[in-house]
Amino acid sequence: MFIIFILSIVFLIYGIIEQINHYKRVKKVPIRIHVNGTRGKSTTTRLIAAGLREAGFKVLAKTTGTLPRIIFEDGMETPLKRRGNPNII
């Protein structure tokens, strides 16, 4: 029982440290744009990223539709591997 208690404390501390590190990394990104809606989010994300890239900003975009992709600073796209099926309700 004592071992379970100690392991629980260790995992709790690990989780807290991970959360703190995550928020530190997120805060390093000066501007974040969230695209929300039902249709056309991937296209809108690509257009916003291209416009900002053309204006001289360093841009990293991510689409999460049926074909999730990361769009890098140079405009190259890399598919993301999904662990499961897309959640479309």
C-alpha atoms as a PDB file:
ATOM      1  CA  MET A   1       0.000   0.000   0.000  1.00  0.00           C
ATOM      2  CA  PHE A   2       2.866   2.341   0.854  1.00  0.00           C
ATOM      3  CA  ILE A   3       4.476   1.729  -2.559  1.00  0.00           C
ATOM      4  CA  ILE A   4       1.239   2.692  -4.338  1.00  0.00           C
ATOM      5  CA  PHE A   5       1.073   5.888  -2.279  1.00  0.00           C
ATOM      6  CA  ILE A   6       4.693   6.798  -3.105  1.00  0.00           C
ATOM      7  CA  LEU A   7       4.198   6.041  -6.819  1.00  0.00           C
ATOM      8  CA  SER A   8       1.044   8.177  -6.848  1.00  0.00           C
ATOM      9  CA  ILE A   9       2.961  11.102  -5.334  1.00  0.00           C
ATOM     10  CA  VAL A  10       5.812  10.658  -7.843  1.00  0.00           C
ATOM     11  CA  PHE A  11       3.394  10.619 -10.807  1.00  0.00           C
ATOM     12  CA  LEU A  12       1.541  13.645  -9.427  1.00  0.00           C
ATOM     13  CA  ILE A  13       4.792  15.617  -9.121  1.00  0.00           C
ATOM     14  CA  TYR A  14       5.827  14.503 -12.613  1.00  0.00           C
ATOM     15  CA  GLY A  15       2.471  15.648 -14.022  1.00  0.00           C
ATOM     16  CA  ILE A  16       2.760  19.050 -12.352  1.00  0.00           C
ATOM     17  CA  ILE A  17       6.289  19.535 -13.725  1.00  0.00           C
ATOM     18  CA  GLU A  18       5.121  18.530 -17.219  1.00  0.00           C
ATOM     19  CA  GLN A  19       2.233  21.005 -17.043  1.00  0.00           C
ATOM     20  CA  ILE A  20       4.520  23.843 -15.940  1.00  0.00           C
ATOM     21  CA  ASN A  21       6.987  23.075 -18.758  1.00  0.00           C
ATOM     22  CA  HIS A  22       4.130  22.909 -21.280  1.00  0.00           C
ATOM     23  CA  TYR A  23       2.810  26.341 -20.306  1.00  0.00           C
ATOM     24  CA  LYS A  24       6.331  27.793 -20.491  1.00  0.00           C
ATOM     25  CA  ARG A  25       6.692  26.496 -24.059  1.00  0.00           C
ATOM     26  CA  VAL A  26       3.262  27.778 -25.075  1.00  0.00           C
ATOM     27  CA  LYS A  27       4.036  31.244 -23.698  1.00  0.00           C
ATOM     28  CA  LYS A  28       7.132  31.418 -25.933  1.00  0.00           C
ATOM     29  CA  VAL A  29       4.817  31.618 -28.956  1.00  0.00           C
ATOM     30  CA  PRO A  30       4.033  35.359 -29.155  1.00  0.00           C
ATOM     31  CA  ILE A  31       0.911  35.168 -31.350  1.00  0.00           C
ATOM     32  CA  ARG A  32      -1.532  32.263 -31.648  1.00  0.00           C
ATOM     33  CA  ILE A  33      -4.514  32.260 -34.011  1.00  0.00           C
ATOM     34  CA  HIS A  34      -7.348  29.791 -33.447  1.00  0.00           C
ATOM     35  CA  VAL A  35      -9.629  28.965 -36.390  1.00  0.00           C
ATOM     36  CA  ASN A  36     -13.046  27.662 -35.338  1.00  0.00           C
ATOM     37  CA  GLY A  37     -16.155  26.641 -37.254  1.00  0.00           C
ATOM     38  CA  THR A  38     -17.808  23.803 -39.110  1.00  0.00           C
ATOM     39  CA  ARG A  39     -16.516  23.933 -42.670  1.00  0.00           C
ATOM     40  CA  GLY A  40     -13.340  25.236 -44.299  1.00  0.00           C
ATOM     41  CA  LYS A  41     -11.021  25.422 -41.282  1.00  0.00           C
ATOM     42  CA  SER A  42      -8.099  23.714 -43.032  1.00  0.00           C
ATOM     43  CA  THR A  43      -8.359  26.007 -46.055  1.00  0.00           C
ATOM     44  CA  THR A  44      -8.693  29.072 -43.836  1.00  0.00           C
ATOM     45  CA  THR A  45      -5.679  27.974 -41.793  1.00  0.00           C
ATOM     46  CA  ARG A  46      -3.595  27.535 -44.951  1.00  0.00           C
ATOM     47  CA  LEU A  47      -4.645  30.964 -46.265  1.00  0.00           C
ATOM     48  CA  ILE A  48      -3.890  32.719 -42.962  1.00  0.00           C
ATOM     49  CA  ALA A  49      -0.508  30.974 -42.714  1.00  0.00           C
ATOM     50  CA  ALA A  50       0.377  31.889 -46.307  1.00  0.00           C
ATOM     51  CA  GLY A  51      -0.614  35.521 -45.791  1.00  0.00           C
ATOM     52  CA  LEU A  52       1.392  35.858 -42.596  1.00  0.00           C
ATOM     53  CA  ARG A  53       4.360  34.061 -44.165  1.00  0.00           C
ATOM     54  CA  GLU A  54       4.237  36.458 -47.119  1.00  0.00           C
ATOM     55  CA  ALA A  55       4.189  39.387 -44.663  1.00  0.00           C
ATOM     56  CA  GLY A  56       7.479  38.154 -43.183  1.00  0.00           C
ATOM     57  CA  PHE A  57       6.267  36.348 -40.058  1.00  0.00           C
ATOM     58  CA  LYS A  58       7.629  32.980 -38.955  1.00  0.00           C
ATOM     59  CA  VAL A  59       4.547  30.760 -39.202  1.00  0.00           C
ATOM     60  CA  LEU A  60       3.795  27.199 -38.119  1.00  0.00           C
ATOM     61  CA  ALA A  61       0.279  25.958 -38.871  1.00  0.00           C
ATOM     62  CA  LYS A  62      -1.535  22.751 -37.970  1.00  0.00           C
ATOM     63  CA  THR A  63      -4.707  21.361 -39.505  1.00  0.00           C
ATOM     64  CA  THR A  64      -6.644  18.648 -37.700  1.00  0.00           C
ATOM     65  CA  GLY A  65      -9.380  17.661 -40.142  1.00  0.00           C
ATOM     66  CA  THR A  66      -9.691  14.280 -41.823  1.00  0.00           C
ATOM     67  CA  LEU A  67      -6.151  14.765 -43.210  1.00  0.00           C
ATOM     68  CA  PRO A  68      -4.188  16.341 -40.328  1.00  0.00           C
ATOM     69  CA  ARG A  69      -1.002  18.147 -41.338  1.00  0.00           C
ATOM     70  CA  ILE A  70       1.733  20.405 -39.999  1.00  0.00           C
ATOM     71  CA  ILE A  71       2.555  23.323 -42.292  1.00  0.00           C
ATOM     72  CA  PHE A  72       6.109  24.542 -41.717  1.00  0.00           C
ATOM     73  CA  GLU A  73       7.683  27.995 -42.102  1.00  0.00           C
ATOM     74  CA  ASP A  74       8.631  27.334 -45.729  1.00  0.00           C
ATOM     75  CA  GLY A  75       5.105  26.161 -46.646  1.00  0.00           C
ATOM     76  CA  MET A  76       5.994  22.463 -46.792  1.00  0.00           C
ATOM     77  CA  GLU A  77       3.327  20.143 -45.367  1.00  0.00           C
ATOM     78  CA  THR A  78       3.878  16.929 -43.442  1.00  0.00           C
ATOM     79  CA  PRO A  79       1.037  14.540 -42.615  1.00  0.00           C
ATOM     80  CA  LEU A  80       0.413  13.774 -38.948  1.00  0.00           C
ATOM     81  CA  LYS A  81      -0.169  10.220 -37.816  1.00  0.00           C
ATOM     82  CA  ARG A  82      -3.426   9.789 -35.921  1.00  0.00           C
ATOM     83  CA  ARG A  83      -3.723   7.288 -33.096  1.00  0.00           C
ATOM     84  CA  GLY A  84      -7.390   6.688 -33.859  1.00  0.00           C
ATOM     85  CA  ASN A  85     -10.161   7.790 -36.179  1.00  0.00           C
ATOM     86  CA  PRO A  86     -11.180  11.453 -36.417  1.00  0.00           C
ATOM     87  CA  ASN A  87     -13.899  12.390 -33.950  1.00  0.00           C
ATOM     88  CA  ILE A  88     -16.645  13.762 -36.185  1.00  0.00           C
ATOM     89  CA  ILE A  89     -19.969  14.042 -34.429  1.00  0.00           C
END
